[in-house]
C-alpha atoms as a PDB file:
ATOM      1  CA  LYS A   1     -18.353  73.498  34.108  1.00  0.00           C
ATOM      2  CA  LYS A   2     -16.916  72.900  30.669  1.00  0.00           C
ATOM      3  CA  SER A   3     -15.815  69.358  31.466  1.00  0.00           C
ATOM      4  CA  SER A   4     -18.858  68.271  33.491  1.00  0.00           C
ATOM      5  CA  PRO A   5     -19.656  64.659  32.603  1.00  0.00           C
ATOM      6  CA  ASN A   6     -23.372  65.575  32.775  1.00  0.00           C
ATOM      7  CA  LEU A   7     -23.124  67.583  29.575  1.00  0.00           C
ATOM      8  CA  TYR A   8     -23.349  64.548  27.277  1.00  0.00           C
ATOM      9  CA  PHE A   9     -26.722  63.757  28.855  1.00  0.00           C
ATOM     10  CA  VAL A  10     -27.884  67.390  28.845  1.00  0.00           C
ATOM     11  CA  ASP A  11     -26.925  67.906  25.181  1.00  0.00           C
ATOM     12  CA  TYR A  12     -28.785  64.759  24.193  1.00  0.00           C
ATOM     13  CA  VAL A  13     -31.959  65.778  26.051  1.00  0.00           C
ATOM     14  CA  LEU A  14     -31.928  69.303  24.604  1.00  0.00           C
ATOM     15  CA  ASP A  15     -31.329  67.907  21.139  1.00  0.00           C
ATOM     16  CA  GLN A  16     -34.375  65.603  21.478  1.00  0.00           C
ATOM     17  CA  LEU A  17     -36.538  68.466  22.800  1.00  0.00           C
ATOM     18  CA  GLU A  18     -35.478  70.816  19.988  1.00  0.00           C
ATOM     19  CA  LYS A  19     -36.548  68.222  17.430  1.00  0.00           C
ATOM     20  CA  GLN A  20     -39.894  67.807  19.166  1.00  0.00           C
ATOM     21  CA  TYR A  21     -40.793  71.360  20.185  1.00  0.00           C
ATOM     22  CA  GLY A  22     -38.412  73.718  18.346  1.00  0.00           C
ATOM     23  CA  ASN A  23     -35.648  76.016  19.673  1.00  0.00           C
ATOM     24  CA  GLU A  24     -37.940  78.890  20.585  1.00  0.00           C
ATOM     25  CA  PHE A  25     -39.920  76.841  23.104  1.00  0.00           C
ATOM     26  CA  VAL A  26     -36.887  75.071  24.578  1.00  0.00           C
ATOM     27  CA  TYR A  27     -34.646  78.097  25.093  1.00  0.00           C
ATOM     28  CA  PHE A  28     -37.070  80.994  25.513  1.00  0.00           C
ATOM     29  CA  GLY A  29     -40.202  79.339  26.852  1.00  0.00           C
ATOM     30  CA  GLY A  30     -39.185  79.586  30.525  1.00  0.00           C
ATOM     31  CA  ILE A  31     -39.694  75.850  30.956  1.00  0.00           C
ATOM     32  CA  LYS A  32     -38.266  73.609  33.666  1.00  0.00           C
ATOM     33  CA  ILE A  33     -37.055  70.154  32.596  1.00  0.00           C
ATOM     34  CA  PHE A  34     -36.764  67.403  35.222  1.00  0.00           C
ATOM     35  CA  THR A  35     -34.543  64.562  33.995  1.00  0.00           C
ATOM     36  CA  THR A  36     -33.777  61.000  35.112  1.00  0.00           C
ATOM     37  CA  LEU A  37     -30.049  61.713  35.518  1.00  0.00           C
ATOM     38  CA  ASN A  38     -28.438  60.648  38.782  1.00  0.00           C
ATOM     39  CA  ALA A  39     -25.495  63.048  39.206  1.00  0.00           C
ATOM     40  CA  SER A  40     -23.569  60.742  41.533  1.00  0.00           C
ATOM     41  CA  PHE A  41     -23.969  57.816  39.102  1.00  0.00           C
ATOM     42  CA  GLN A  42     -22.637  60.128  36.417  1.00  0.00           C
ATOM     43  CA  ALA A  43     -19.628  61.096  38.540  1.00  0.00           C
ATOM     44  CA  TYR A  44     -18.916  57.411  39.255  1.00  0.00           C
ATOM     45  CA  ALA A  45     -19.086  56.685  35.527  1.00  0.00           C
ATOM     46  CA  LYS A  46     -16.533  59.390  34.730  1.00  0.00           C
ATOM     47  CA  LYS A  47     -14.203  58.228  37.500  1.00  0.00           C
ATOM     48  CA  ALA A  48     -14.470  54.567  36.438  1.00  0.00           C
ATOM     49  CA  VAL A  49     -13.749  55.393  32.798  1.00  0.00           C
ATOM     50  CA  GLU A  50     -10.837  57.715  33.539  1.00  0.00           C
ATOM     51  CA  SER A  51      -9.077  55.435  35.991  1.00  0.00           C
ATOM     52  CA  HIS A  52      -9.329  52.322  33.824  1.00  0.00           C
ATOM     53  CA  LEU A  53      -8.383  54.049  30.566  1.00  0.00           C
ATOM     54  CA  ASP A  54      -5.354  55.557  32.322  1.00  0.00           C
ATOM     55  CA  TYR A  55      -4.447  52.097  33.617  1.00  0.00           C
ATOM     56  CA  LEU A  56      -4.759  50.580  30.138  1.00  0.00           C
ATOM     57  CA  THR A  57      -2.637  53.328  28.633  1.00  0.00           C
ATOM     58  CA  GLN A  58       0.152  53.003  31.229  1.00  0.00           C
ATOM     59  CA  LYS A  59       0.220  49.338  32.164  1.00  0.00           C
ATOM     60  CA  LEU A  60      -0.479  47.612  28.897  1.00  0.00           C
ATOM     61  CA  ARG A  61       1.603  49.911  26.703  1.00  0.00           C
ATOM     62  CA  PHE A  62      -0.036  49.767  23.349  1.00  0.00           C
ATOM     63  CA  ARG A  63       2.004  49.429  20.194  1.00  0.00           C
ATOM     64  CA  ASP A  64       1.260  52.766  18.561  1.00  0.00           C
ATOM     65  CA  LEU A  65       0.646  54.928  21.578  1.00  0.00           C
ATOM     66  CA  GLY A  66       0.547  58.531  20.453  1.00  0.00           C
ATOM     67  CA  SER A  67      -1.731  60.665  22.551  1.00  0.00           C
ATOM     68  CA  LYS A  68      -3.331  60.096  25.909  1.00  0.00           C
ATOM     69  CA  GLU A  69      -6.711  60.463  24.195  1.00  0.00           C
ATOM     70  CA  LEU A  70      -6.071  57.265  22.282  1.00  0.00           C
ATOM     71  CA  PHE A  71      -8.783  55.354  24.110  1.00  0.00           C
ATOM     72  CA  GLN A  72     -12.369  56.378  24.317  1.00  0.00           C
ATOM     73  CA  ALA A  73     -15.228  54.871  26.256  1.00  0.00           C
ATOM     74  CA  ALA A  74     -18.977  55.204  26.634  1.00  0.00           C
ATOM     75  CA  LEU A  75     -21.288  54.049  29.405  1.00  0.00           C
ATOM     76  CA  VAL A  76     -25.066  53.938  29.796  1.00  0.00           C
ATOM     77  CA  SER A  77     -26.883  52.777  32.925  1.00  0.00           C
ATOM     78  CA  ILE A  78     -30.644  52.178  32.951  1.00  0.00           C
ATOM     79  CA  GLU A  79     -33.032  51.308  35.759  1.00  0.00           C
ATOM     80  CA  ASN A  80     -34.560  47.903  34.928  1.00  0.00           C
ATOM     81  CA  GLN A  81     -37.995  48.432  36.441  1.00  0.00           C
ATOM     82  CA  THR A  82     -38.717  51.757  34.735  1.00  0.00           C
ATOM     83  CA  GLY A  83     -36.365  52.382  31.795  1.00  0.00           C
ATOM     84  CA  ALA A  84     -35.056  55.591  33.421  1.00  0.00           C
ATOM     85  CA  VAL A  85     -31.570  56.435  32.119  1.00  0.00           C
ATOM     86  CA  ARG A  86     -29.553  57.151  35.271  1.00  0.00           C
ATOM     87  CA  ALA A  87     -26.152  57.725  33.677  1.00  0.00           C
ATOM     88  CA  MET A  88     -24.901  58.420  30.179  1.00  0.00           C
ATOM     89  CA  LEU A  89     -21.261  59.114  29.511  1.00  0.00           C
ATOM     90  CA  GLY A  90     -20.442  59.783  25.870  1.00  0.00           C
ATOM     91  CA  GLY A  91     -16.658  59.941  26.146  1.00  0.00           C
ATOM     92  CA  ARG A  92     -13.802  60.296  28.589  1.00  0.00           C
ATOM     93  CA  ASP A  93     -13.694  64.111  28.609  1.00  0.00           C
ATOM     94  CA  TYR A  94     -16.462  66.421  27.376  1.00  0.00           C
ATOM     95  CA  SER A  95     -14.129  69.439  27.222  1.00  0.00           C
ATOM     96  CA  VAL A  96     -11.917  67.580  24.726  1.00  0.00           C
ATOM     97  CA  SER A  97     -14.679  65.976  22.631  1.00  0.00           C
ATOM     98  CA  GLN A  98     -18.416  66.616  22.702  1.00  0.00           C
ATOM     99  CA  PHE A  99     -19.151  63.683  20.386  1.00  0.00           C
ATOM    100  CA  ASN A 100     -21.578  61.373  22.196  1.00  0.00           C
ATOM    101  CA  ARG A 101     -20.319  57.819  21.697  1.00  0.00           C
ATOM    102  CA  ALA A 102     -23.110  56.437  23.883  1.00  0.00           C
ATOM    103  CA  VAL A 103     -25.847  57.210  21.355  1.00  0.00           C
ATOM    104  CA  SER A 104     -23.971  56.986  18.065  1.00  0.00           C
ATOM    105  CA  ASN A 105     -24.684  53.616  16.480  1.00  0.00           C
ATOM    106  CA  ASN A 106     -21.490  53.114  14.495  1.00  0.00           C
ATOM    107  CA  ARG A 107     -19.740  50.413  16.569  1.00  0.00           C
ATOM    108  CA  SER A 108     -20.230  46.657  16.327  1.00  0.00           C
ATOM    109  CA  PRO A 109     -21.274  44.909  19.562  1.00  0.00           C
ATOM    110  CA  GLY A 110     -19.428  41.648  18.864  1.00  0.00           C
ATOM    111  CA  SER A 111     -20.418  38.776  21.120  1.00  0.00           C
ATOM    112  CA  SER A 112     -22.566  40.957  23.378  1.00  0.00           C
ATOM    113  CA  PHE A 113     -25.211  40.563  20.630  1.00  0.00           C
ATOM    114  CA  LYS A 114     -25.270  36.763  21.087  1.00  0.00           C
ATOM    115  CA  PRO A 115     -28.015  36.615  23.770  1.00  0.00           C
ATOM    116  CA  ILE A 116     -30.406  37.878  21.071  1.00  0.00           C
ATOM    117  CA  VAL A 117     -29.288  35.050  18.759  1.00  0.00           C
ATOM    118  CA  TYR A 118     -29.668  32.466  21.541  1.00  0.00           C
ATOM    119  CA  LEU A 119     -33.137  33.622  22.533  1.00  0.00           C
ATOM    120  CA  THR A 120     -34.268  33.395  18.903  1.00  0.00           C
ATOM    121  CA  ALA A 121     -33.139  29.761  18.758  1.00  0.00           C
ATOM    122  CA  MET A 122     -34.700  29.015  22.150  1.00  0.00           C
ATOM    123  CA  GLU A 123     -38.045  30.450  21.060  1.00  0.00           C
ATOM    124  CA  LEU A 124     -38.117  28.859  17.600  1.00  0.00           C
ATOM    125  CA  PHE A 125     -36.461  25.486  18.158  1.00  0.00           C
ATOM    126  CA  GLY A 126     -36.878  24.835  21.873  1.00  0.00           C
ATOM    127  CA  TYR A 127     -33.171  25.064  22.739  1.00  0.00           C
ATOM    128  CA  HIS A 128     -32.362  25.191  26.472  1.00  0.00           C
ATOM    129  CA  PRO A 129     -29.147  25.575  28.530  1.00  0.00           C
ATOM    130  CA  GLY A 130     -28.546  21.799  28.458  1.00  0.00           C
ATOM    131  CA  SER A 131     -29.062  21.342  24.699  1.00  0.00           C
ATOM    132  CA  LEU A 132     -26.147  19.557  23.004  1.00  0.00           C
ATOM    133  CA  VAL A 133     -24.385  21.647  20.372  1.00  0.00           C
ATOM    134  CA  LYS A 134     -21.134  21.279  18.454  1.00  0.00           C
ATOM    135  CA  ASP A 135     -18.417  23.899  18.597  1.00  0.00           C
ATOM    136  CA  ALA A 136     -16.109  22.984  15.747  1.00  0.00           C
ATOM    137  CA  PRO A 137     -14.782  24.644  12.568  1.00  0.00           C
ATOM    138  CA  LYS A 138     -17.360  24.695   9.800  1.00  0.00           C
ATOM    139  CA  ILE A 139     -17.794  26.243   6.362  1.00  0.00           C
ATOM    140  CA  PHE A 140     -21.262  27.679   5.743  1.00  0.00           C
ATOM    141  CA  GLU A 141     -22.798  27.725   2.271  1.00  0.00           C
ATOM    142  CA  ILE A 142     -24.676  31.009   1.995  1.00  0.00           C
ATOM    143  CA  PRO A 143     -27.168  31.167  -0.890  1.00  0.00           C
ATOM    144  CA  GLY A 144     -26.254  33.843  -3.403  1.00  0.00           C
ATOM    145  CA  VAL A 145     -23.133  34.851  -1.474  1.00  0.00           C
ATOM    146  CA  GLY A 146     -20.779  31.879  -1.439  1.00  0.00           C
ATOM    147  CA  THR A 147     -19.037  30.424   1.594  1.00  0.00           C
ATOM    148  CA  TRP A 148     -18.367  31.828   5.052  1.00  0.00           C
ATOM    149  CA  GLU A 149     -15.862  30.391   7.502  1.00  0.00           C
ATOM    150  CA  PRO A 150     -16.046  32.003  10.959  1.00  0.00           C
ATOM    151  CA  HIS A 151     -13.450  31.263  13.648  1.00  0.00           C
ATOM    152  CA  ASN A 152     -13.420  31.130  17.418  1.00  0.00           C
ATOM    153  CA  PHE A 153     -11.369  33.502  19.519  1.00  0.00           C
ATOM    154  CA  ASP A 154      -7.779  32.080  19.730  1.00  0.00           C
ATOM    155  CA  ASN A 155      -8.938  29.309  17.351  1.00  0.00           C
ATOM    156  CA  LYS A 156      -9.872  27.103  20.302  1.00  0.00           C
ATOM    157  CA  TYR A 157     -12.958  24.891  20.068  1.00  0.00           C
ATOM    158  CA  LEU A 158     -15.048  23.152  22.713  1.00  0.00           C
ATOM    159  CA  GLY A 159     -16.207  20.267  20.488  1.00  0.00           C
ATOM    160  CA  GLN A 160     -19.427  18.617  21.673  1.00  0.00           C
ATOM    161  CA  THR A 161     -20.793  20.819  24.462  1.00  0.00           C
ATOM    162  CA  ILE A 162     -23.974  22.227  25.948  1.00  0.00           C
ATOM    163  CA  LEU A 163     -25.546  25.541  25.057  1.00  0.00           C
ATOM    164  CA  LYS A 164     -24.817  27.110  28.462  1.00  0.00           C
ATOM    165  CA  LYS A 165     -21.090  26.342  28.148  1.00  0.00           C
ATOM    166  CA  ALA A 166     -21.092  27.734  24.595  1.00  0.00           C
ATOM    167  CA  MET A 167     -22.544  31.010  25.932  1.00  0.00           C
ATOM    168  CA  MET A 168     -20.101  31.090  28.871  1.00  0.00           C
ATOM    169  CA  GLN A 169     -17.099  30.636  26.580  1.00  0.00           C
ATOM    170  CA  SER A 170     -18.617  32.768  23.790  1.00  0.00           C
ATOM    171  CA  ALA A 171     -18.251  30.055  21.131  1.00  0.00           C
ATOM    172  CA  ASN A 172     -18.599  31.774  17.742  1.00  0.00           C
ATOM    173  CA  LEU A 173     -19.265  28.590  15.793  1.00  0.00           C
ATOM    174  CA  VAL A 174     -22.267  27.685  17.936  1.00  0.00           C
ATOM    175  CA  SER A 175     -23.748  31.154  17.459  1.00  0.00           C
ATOM    176  CA  ALA A 176     -23.121  30.909  13.688  1.00  0.00           C
ATOM    177  CA  GLN A 177     -24.902  27.553  13.515  1.00  0.00           C
ATOM    178  CA  LEU A 178     -27.886  28.945  15.438  1.00  0.00           C
ATOM    179  CA  VAL A 179     -28.226  31.806  12.938  1.00  0.00           C
ATOM    180  CA  ASP A 180     -27.901  29.277  10.111  1.00  0.00           C
ATOM    181  CA  GLN A 181     -30.872  27.404  11.611  1.00  0.00           C
ATOM    182  CA  VAL A 182     -33.146  30.320  12.482  1.00  0.00           C
ATOM    183  CA  THR A 183     -32.131  32.686   9.603  1.00  0.00           C
ATOM    184  CA  PRO A 184     -30.719  36.206  10.044  1.00  0.00           C
ATOM    185  CA  GLN A 185     -34.191  37.711   9.405  1.00  0.00           C
ATOM    186  CA  LYS A 186     -35.587  35.982  12.512  1.00  0.00           C
ATOM    187  CA  VAL A 187     -32.689  37.283  14.627  1.00  0.00           C
ATOM    188  CA  ILE A 188     -33.454  40.817  13.395  1.00  0.00           C
ATOM    189  CA  GLN A 189     -37.114  40.359  14.385  1.00  0.00           C
ATOM    190  CA  THR A 190     -36.010  39.348  17.892  1.00  0.00           C
ATOM    191  CA  ALA A 191     -33.640  42.340  18.100  1.00  0.00           C
ATOM    192  CA  ARG A 192     -36.554  44.657  17.249  1.00  0.00           C
ATOM    193  CA  GLN A 193     -38.558  43.087  20.103  1.00  0.00           C
ATOM    194  CA  PHE A 194     -35.630  43.961  22.366  1.00  0.00           C
ATOM    195  CA  GLY A 195     -36.028  47.604  21.308  1.00  0.00           C
ATOM    196  CA  ILE A 196     -32.964  47.738  19.029  1.00  0.00           C
ATOM    197  CA  GLU A 197     -33.742  50.204  16.227  1.00  0.00           C
ATOM    198  CA  SER A 198     -30.371  50.524  14.459  1.00  0.00           C
ATOM    199  CA  PRO A 199     -30.201  49.165  10.903  1.00  0.00           C
ATOM    200  CA  LEU A 200     -29.229  45.472  11.051  1.00  0.00           C
ATOM    201  CA  GLY A 201     -27.976  43.693   7.939  1.00  0.00           C
ATOM    202  CA  PRO A 202     -29.564  40.265   7.281  1.00  0.00           C
ATOM    203  CA  HIS A 203     -26.144  38.566   7.177  1.00  0.00           C
ATOM    204  CA  TYR A 204     -24.941  35.372   8.792  1.00  0.00           C
ATOM    205  CA  SER A 205     -22.228  37.371  10.539  1.00  0.00           C
ATOM    206  CA  LEU A 206     -25.005  38.923  12.638  1.00  0.00           C
ATOM    207  CA  SER A 207     -24.281  35.882  14.843  1.00  0.00           C
ATOM    208  CA  LEU A 208     -20.962  37.531  15.763  1.00  0.00           C
ATOM    209  CA  GLY A 209     -22.455  40.995  16.274  1.00  0.00           C
ATOM    210  CA  THR A 210     -21.137  42.657  13.126  1.00  0.00           C
ATOM    211  CA  SER A 211     -24.028  45.117  12.634  1.00  0.00           C
ATOM    212  CA  PRO A 212     -23.363  48.334  14.584  1.00  0.00           C
ATOM    213  CA  VAL A 213     -25.627  49.412  17.469  1.00  0.00           C
ATOM    214  CA  SER A 214     -25.427  52.027  20.234  1.00  0.00           C
ATOM    215  CA  VAL A 215     -24.389  51.601  23.866  1.00  0.00           C
ATOM    216  CA  LEU A 216     -27.808  53.004  24.819  1.00  0.00           C
ATOM    217  CA  GLU A 217     -29.512  50.253  22.798  1.00  0.00           C
ATOM    218  CA  MET A 218     -27.391  47.501  24.359  1.00  0.00           C
ATOM    219  CA  ALA A 219     -28.080  48.680  27.916  1.00  0.00           C
ATOM    220  CA  SER A 220     -31.802  48.886  27.131  1.00  0.00           C
ATOM    221  CA  ALA A 221     -31.903  45.443  25.459  1.00  0.00           C
ATOM    222  CA  TYR A 222     -30.329  43.864  28.542  1.00  0.00           C
ATOM    223  CA  THR A 223     -33.015  45.369  30.799  1.00  0.00           C
ATOM    224  CA  VAL A 224     -35.465  43.137  28.903  1.00  0.00           C
ATOM    225  CA  ILE A 225     -33.515  40.063  30.062  1.00  0.00           C
ATOM    226  CA  ALA A 226     -33.249  41.430  33.606  1.00  0.00           C
ATOM    227  CA  ASN A 227     -37.032  41.985  33.562  1.00  0.00           C
ATOM    228  CA  LEU A 228     -37.693  38.445  32.227  1.00  0.00           C
ATOM    229  CA  GLY A 229     -39.092  39.619  28.913  1.00  0.00           C
ATOM    230  CA  PHE A 230     -40.556  42.998  29.849  1.00  0.00           C
ATOM    231  CA  LEU A 231     -39.431  46.034  27.823  1.00  0.00           C
ATOM    232  CA  ASN A 232     -39.536  49.546  29.290  1.00  0.00           C
ATOM    233  CA  ARG A 233     -38.293  51.918  26.603  1.00  0.00           C
ATOM    234  CA  PRO A 234     -35.416  54.057  27.895  1.00  0.00           C
ATOM    235  CA  TYR A 235     -36.400  57.612  28.806  1.00  0.00           C
ATOM    236  CA  PHE A 236     -34.565  60.736  29.966  1.00  0.00           C
ATOM    237  CA  ILE A 237     -37.261  63.207  31.062  1.00  0.00           C
ATOM    238  CA  ASN A 238     -39.540  62.782  34.072  1.00  0.00           C
ATOM    239  CA  LYS A 239     -41.557  65.945  33.494  1.00  0.00           C
ATOM    240  CA  ILE A 240     -41.599  69.424  31.989  1.00  0.00           C
ATOM    241  CA  GLU A 241     -43.213  72.425  33.694  1.00  0.00           C
ATOM    242  CA  ASP A 242     -43.988  75.847  32.268  1.00  0.00           C
ATOM    243  CA  PHE A 243     -42.911  79.070  34.036  1.00  0.00           C
ATOM    244  CA  ASN A 244     -46.019  78.916  36.247  1.00  0.00           C
ATOM    245  CA  GLY A 245     -45.295  75.364  37.390  1.00  0.00           C
ATOM    246  CA  ASN A 246     -48.041  73.785  35.279  1.00  0.00           C
ATOM    247  CA  ILE A 247     -47.098  70.308  34.082  1.00  0.00           C
ATOM    248  CA  LEU A 248     -46.746  70.273  30.296  1.00  0.00           C
ATOM    249  CA  PHE A 249     -45.412  66.731  30.064  1.00  0.00           C
ATOM    250  CA  GLU A 250     -45.051  63.832  32.462  1.00  0.00           C
ATOM    251  CA  HIS A 251     -43.518  60.446  31.716  1.00  0.00           C
ATOM    252  CA  PHE A 252     -45.519  57.359  32.589  1.00  0.00           C
ATOM    253  CA  SER A 253     -43.818  53.980  32.255  1.00  0.00           C
ATOM    254  CA  ARG A 254     -45.750  51.752  29.937  1.00  0.00           C
ATOM    255  CA  GLY A 255     -43.828  48.537  29.650  1.00  0.00           C
ATOM    256  CA  ILE A 256     -44.677  45.693  27.284  1.00  0.00           C
ATOM    257  CA  GLN A 257     -44.161  41.965  27.850  1.00  0.00           C
ATOM    258  CA  ARG A 258     -42.150  41.124  24.735  1.00  0.00           C
ATOM    259  CA  PHE A 259     -41.137  37.538  25.557  1.00  0.00           C
ATOM    260  CA  PRO A 260     -42.596  34.871  27.870  1.00  0.00           C
ATOM    261  CA  ARG A 261     -40.858  34.741  31.264  1.00  0.00           C
ATOM    262  CA  LYS A 262     -40.235  31.029  30.834  1.00  0.00           C
ATOM    263  CA  SER A 263     -38.247  31.699  27.621  1.00  0.00           C
ATOM    264  CA  VAL A 264     -36.087  34.411  29.130  1.00  0.00           C
ATOM    265  CA  TYR A 265     -35.247  32.799  32.478  1.00  0.00           C
ATOM    266  CA  PRO A 266     -32.963  30.082  30.974  1.00  0.00           C
ATOM    267  CA  LEU A 267     -31.157  32.824  28.995  1.00  0.00           C
ATOM    268  CA  LEU A 268     -30.649  34.809  32.193  1.00  0.00           C
ATOM    269  CA  ASP A 269     -29.288  31.663  33.852  1.00  0.00           C
ATOM    270  CA  MET A 270     -26.735  31.150  31.042  1.00  0.00           C
ATOM    271  CA  MET A 271     -25.685  34.794  31.338  1.00  0.00           C
ATOM    272  CA  ARG A 272     -25.104  34.333  35.066  1.00  0.00           C
ATOM    273  CA  GLY A 273     -22.751  31.525  34.043  1.00  0.00           C
ATOM    274  CA  VAL A 274     -20.773  34.003  31.890  1.00  0.00           C
ATOM    275  CA  ILE A 275     -20.000  36.024  35.035  1.00  0.00           C
ATOM    276  CA  ASP A 276     -19.478  33.134  37.449  1.00  0.00           C
ATOM    277  CA  GLY A 277     -17.278  30.958  35.265  1.00  0.00           C
ATOM    278  CA  GLY A 278     -17.065  32.265  31.697  1.00  0.00           C
ATOM    279  CA  THR A 279     -15.574  35.175  29.755  1.00  0.00           C
ATOM    280  CA  GLY A 280     -16.925  37.663  32.345  1.00  0.00           C
ATOM    281  CA  ARG A 281     -15.374  36.065  35.443  1.00  0.00           C
ATOM    282  CA  VAL A 282     -13.091  39.102  35.867  1.00  0.00           C
ATOM    283  CA  VAL A 283     -16.152  40.600  37.648  1.00  0.00           C
ATOM    284  CA  ARG A 284     -15.816  38.001  40.418  1.00  0.00           C
ATOM    285  CA  ARG A 285     -12.028  38.250  40.445  1.00  0.00           C
ATOM    286  CA  MET A 286     -12.454  41.958  41.141  1.00  0.00           C
ATOM    287  CA  LYS A 287     -14.522  40.995  44.207  1.00  0.00           C
ATOM    288  CA  PHE A 288     -17.932  42.086  42.945  1.00  0.00           C
ATOM    289  CA  TYR A 289     -20.212  39.479  44.506  1.00  0.00           C
ATOM    290  CA  HIS A 290     -23.747  40.723  43.814  1.00  0.00           C
ATOM    291  CA  PRO A 291     -26.055  38.569  41.659  1.00  0.00           C
ATOM    292  CA  THR A 292     -25.088  39.575  38.128  1.00  0.00           C
ATOM    293  CA  ALA A 293     -25.641  38.358  34.579  1.00  0.00           C
ATOM    294  CA  GLY A 294     -24.157  39.672  31.359  1.00  0.00           C
ATOM    295  CA  LYS A 295     -21.936  39.182  28.342  1.00  0.00           C
ATOM    296  CA  THR A 296     -18.564  40.319  27.080  1.00  0.00           C
ATOM    297  CA  GLY A 297     -18.114  41.516  23.515  1.00  0.00           C
ATOM    298  CA  THR A 298     -14.935  41.739  21.464  1.00  0.00           C
ATOM    299  CA  THR A 299     -15.026  42.417  17.735  1.00  0.00           C
ATOM    300  CA  ASN A 300     -12.852  40.034  15.759  1.00  0.00           C
ATOM    301  CA  ASP A 301     -10.239  42.668  14.902  1.00  0.00           C
ATOM    302  CA  TYR A 302     -10.096  44.144  18.452  1.00  0.00           C
ATOM    303  CA  LYS A 303     -11.584  47.478  17.383  1.00  0.00           C
ATOM    304  CA  ASP A 304     -14.303  47.306  20.056  1.00  0.00           C
ATOM    305  CA  ALA A 305     -14.358  45.986  23.612  1.00  0.00           C
ATOM    306  CA  TRP A 306     -17.771  45.694  25.290  1.00  0.00           C
ATOM    307  CA  PHE A 307     -19.251  44.580  28.564  1.00  0.00           C
ATOM    308  CA  THR A 308     -22.977  44.716  29.221  1.00  0.00           C
ATOM    309  CA  ALA A 309     -24.489  43.257  32.374  1.00  0.00           C
ATOM    310  CA  PHE A 310     -27.212  43.799  34.940  1.00  0.00           C
ATOM    311  CA  THR A 311     -27.868  43.495  38.636  1.00  0.00           C
ATOM    312  CA  LYS A 312     -31.347  43.326  40.124  1.00  0.00           C
ATOM    313  CA  ASP A 313     -31.760  47.090  39.757  1.00  0.00           C
ATOM    314  CA  ILE A 314     -29.750  48.368  36.811  1.00  0.00           C
ATOM    315  CA  SER A 315     -28.416  47.346  33.420  1.00  0.00           C
ATOM    316  CA  THR A 316     -25.171  48.985  32.362  1.00  0.00           C
ATOM    317  CA  SER A 317     -23.342  48.803  29.045  1.00  0.00           C
ATOM    318  CA  VAL A 318     -19.711  49.852  28.573  1.00  0.00           C
ATOM    319  CA  TRP A 319     -17.854  50.261  25.278  1.00  0.00           C
ATOM    320  CA  VAL A 320     -14.133  50.926  24.868  1.00  0.00           C
ATOM    321  CA  GLY A 321     -12.475  51.675  21.547  1.00  0.00           C
ATOM    322  CA  ARG A 322     -10.636  54.248  19.473  1.00  0.00           C
ATOM    323  CA  ASP A 323     -12.146  57.084  17.487  1.00  0.00           C
ATOM    324  CA  ASP A 324      -9.871  56.265  14.527  1.00  0.00           C
ATOM    325  CA  ASN A 325     -11.344  52.723  14.635  1.00  0.00           C
ATOM    326  CA  LYS A 326      -7.909  51.088  14.756  1.00  0.00           C
ATOM    327  CA  PRO A 327      -7.449  47.715  16.468  1.00  0.00           C
ATOM    328  CA  MET A 328      -6.388  47.868  20.116  1.00  0.00           C
ATOM    329  CA  ILE A 329      -3.247  45.727  20.097  1.00  0.00           C
ATOM    330  CA  MET A 330      -0.960  45.624  23.127  1.00  0.00           C
ATOM    331  CA  LYS A 331       2.852  45.451  23.143  1.00  0.00           C
ATOM    332  CA  THR A 332       2.558  41.713  23.814  1.00  0.00           C
ATOM    333  CA  ASN A 333       0.713  41.471  20.465  1.00  0.00           C
ATOM    334  CA  ARG A 334      -2.469  40.449  22.280  1.00  0.00           C
ATOM    335  CA  GLY A 335      -5.664  42.284  21.424  1.00  0.00           C
ATOM    336  CA  LEU A 336      -7.766  44.070  24.030  1.00  0.00           C
ATOM    337  CA  THR A 337     -10.879  42.043  24.887  1.00  0.00           C
ATOM    338  CA  GLY A 338     -14.197  43.023  26.440  1.00  0.00           C
ATOM    339  CA  SER A 339     -13.186  41.378  29.703  1.00  0.00           C
ATOM    340  CA  ARG A 340      -9.948  43.381  30.020  1.00  0.00           C
ATOM    341  CA  GLY A 341     -11.062  46.577  28.323  1.00  0.00           C
ATOM    342  CA  ALA A 342     -14.666  47.171  29.364  1.00  0.00           C
ATOM    343  CA  ALA A 343     -15.636  44.863  32.258  1.00  0.00           C
ATOM    344  CA  PRO A 344     -13.386  46.562  34.856  1.00  0.00           C
ATOM    345  CA  ILE A 345     -15.091  49.917  34.113  1.00  0.00           C
ATOM    346  CA  TRP A 346     -18.451  48.234  34.727  1.00  0.00           C
ATOM    347  CA  VAL A 347     -17.212  46.826  38.046  1.00  0.00           C
ATOM    348  CA  PHE A 348     -15.764  50.172  39.224  1.00  0.00           C
ATOM    349  CA  PHE A 349     -18.986  51.928  38.235  1.00  0.00           C
END
């Protein structure tokens, strides 16, 4: 069917295979491709995205509402233990737009990038959830660039606090100070260990997630936290058979321990706090009671709303935004955050 939500996944797989084996083999070789896609997960993803985007469009009445296609979303869900991609939705309606927003790396993750910053500081400087930090306005002197003055969401500050609380409330100034201590280059090294391959600029603003990444990368990075430091690269194909049923390719999971368990567990604990009493508590308000850890993400001009979180079994990342990259500002003049824009889709899914 033209509007089947599975087509984003199928297109992506065929595209990868064409690059590897060439069109002739893929389309005329009589091969059978067995993928990791779970069709019911995919249907749930489409339903979750459609219902929440419709709700946002109707209930919140955005300032410059033109078409119904104003909002777009992407969702990727990956099995923690294996790296198998179980769902990939690249937009709200394939028949309207075939552009795959789940794999394009042109959107900034905002605060959902902060766990990578925190882990860098924990590894290098021995920070832990109870470490005292200061969340207060500060001007940073950046060599060769000048000054940088980041702000917190709503310009509210926690003052003297502990690292766990700073993560729960997504304090920008704490994240900025951590990057100042560890250097942007070290944060990029950590991101690479998490499997993030998108280009990342060595800027201080990396602390606020200003370098664009893909939804696929975010979901995969969070599986590393769910697995206490173990990375299974995401994969889409279980096996390929030729027309006689001979196996031409079979995927074997070969995970790598990228971080010590004892480093990652405190991070996981802080991210549980985000859901139980921080910026992600909408998950509990919506009566989702399973053990969960994750992080909201809102870019500072409300162009992107993110929510990435994991249960024991799967890590799922959701992005909501507009294709024209305009800010999502409601009639009340409030911007759309990760917790209002993306987290409900995650919960429904």
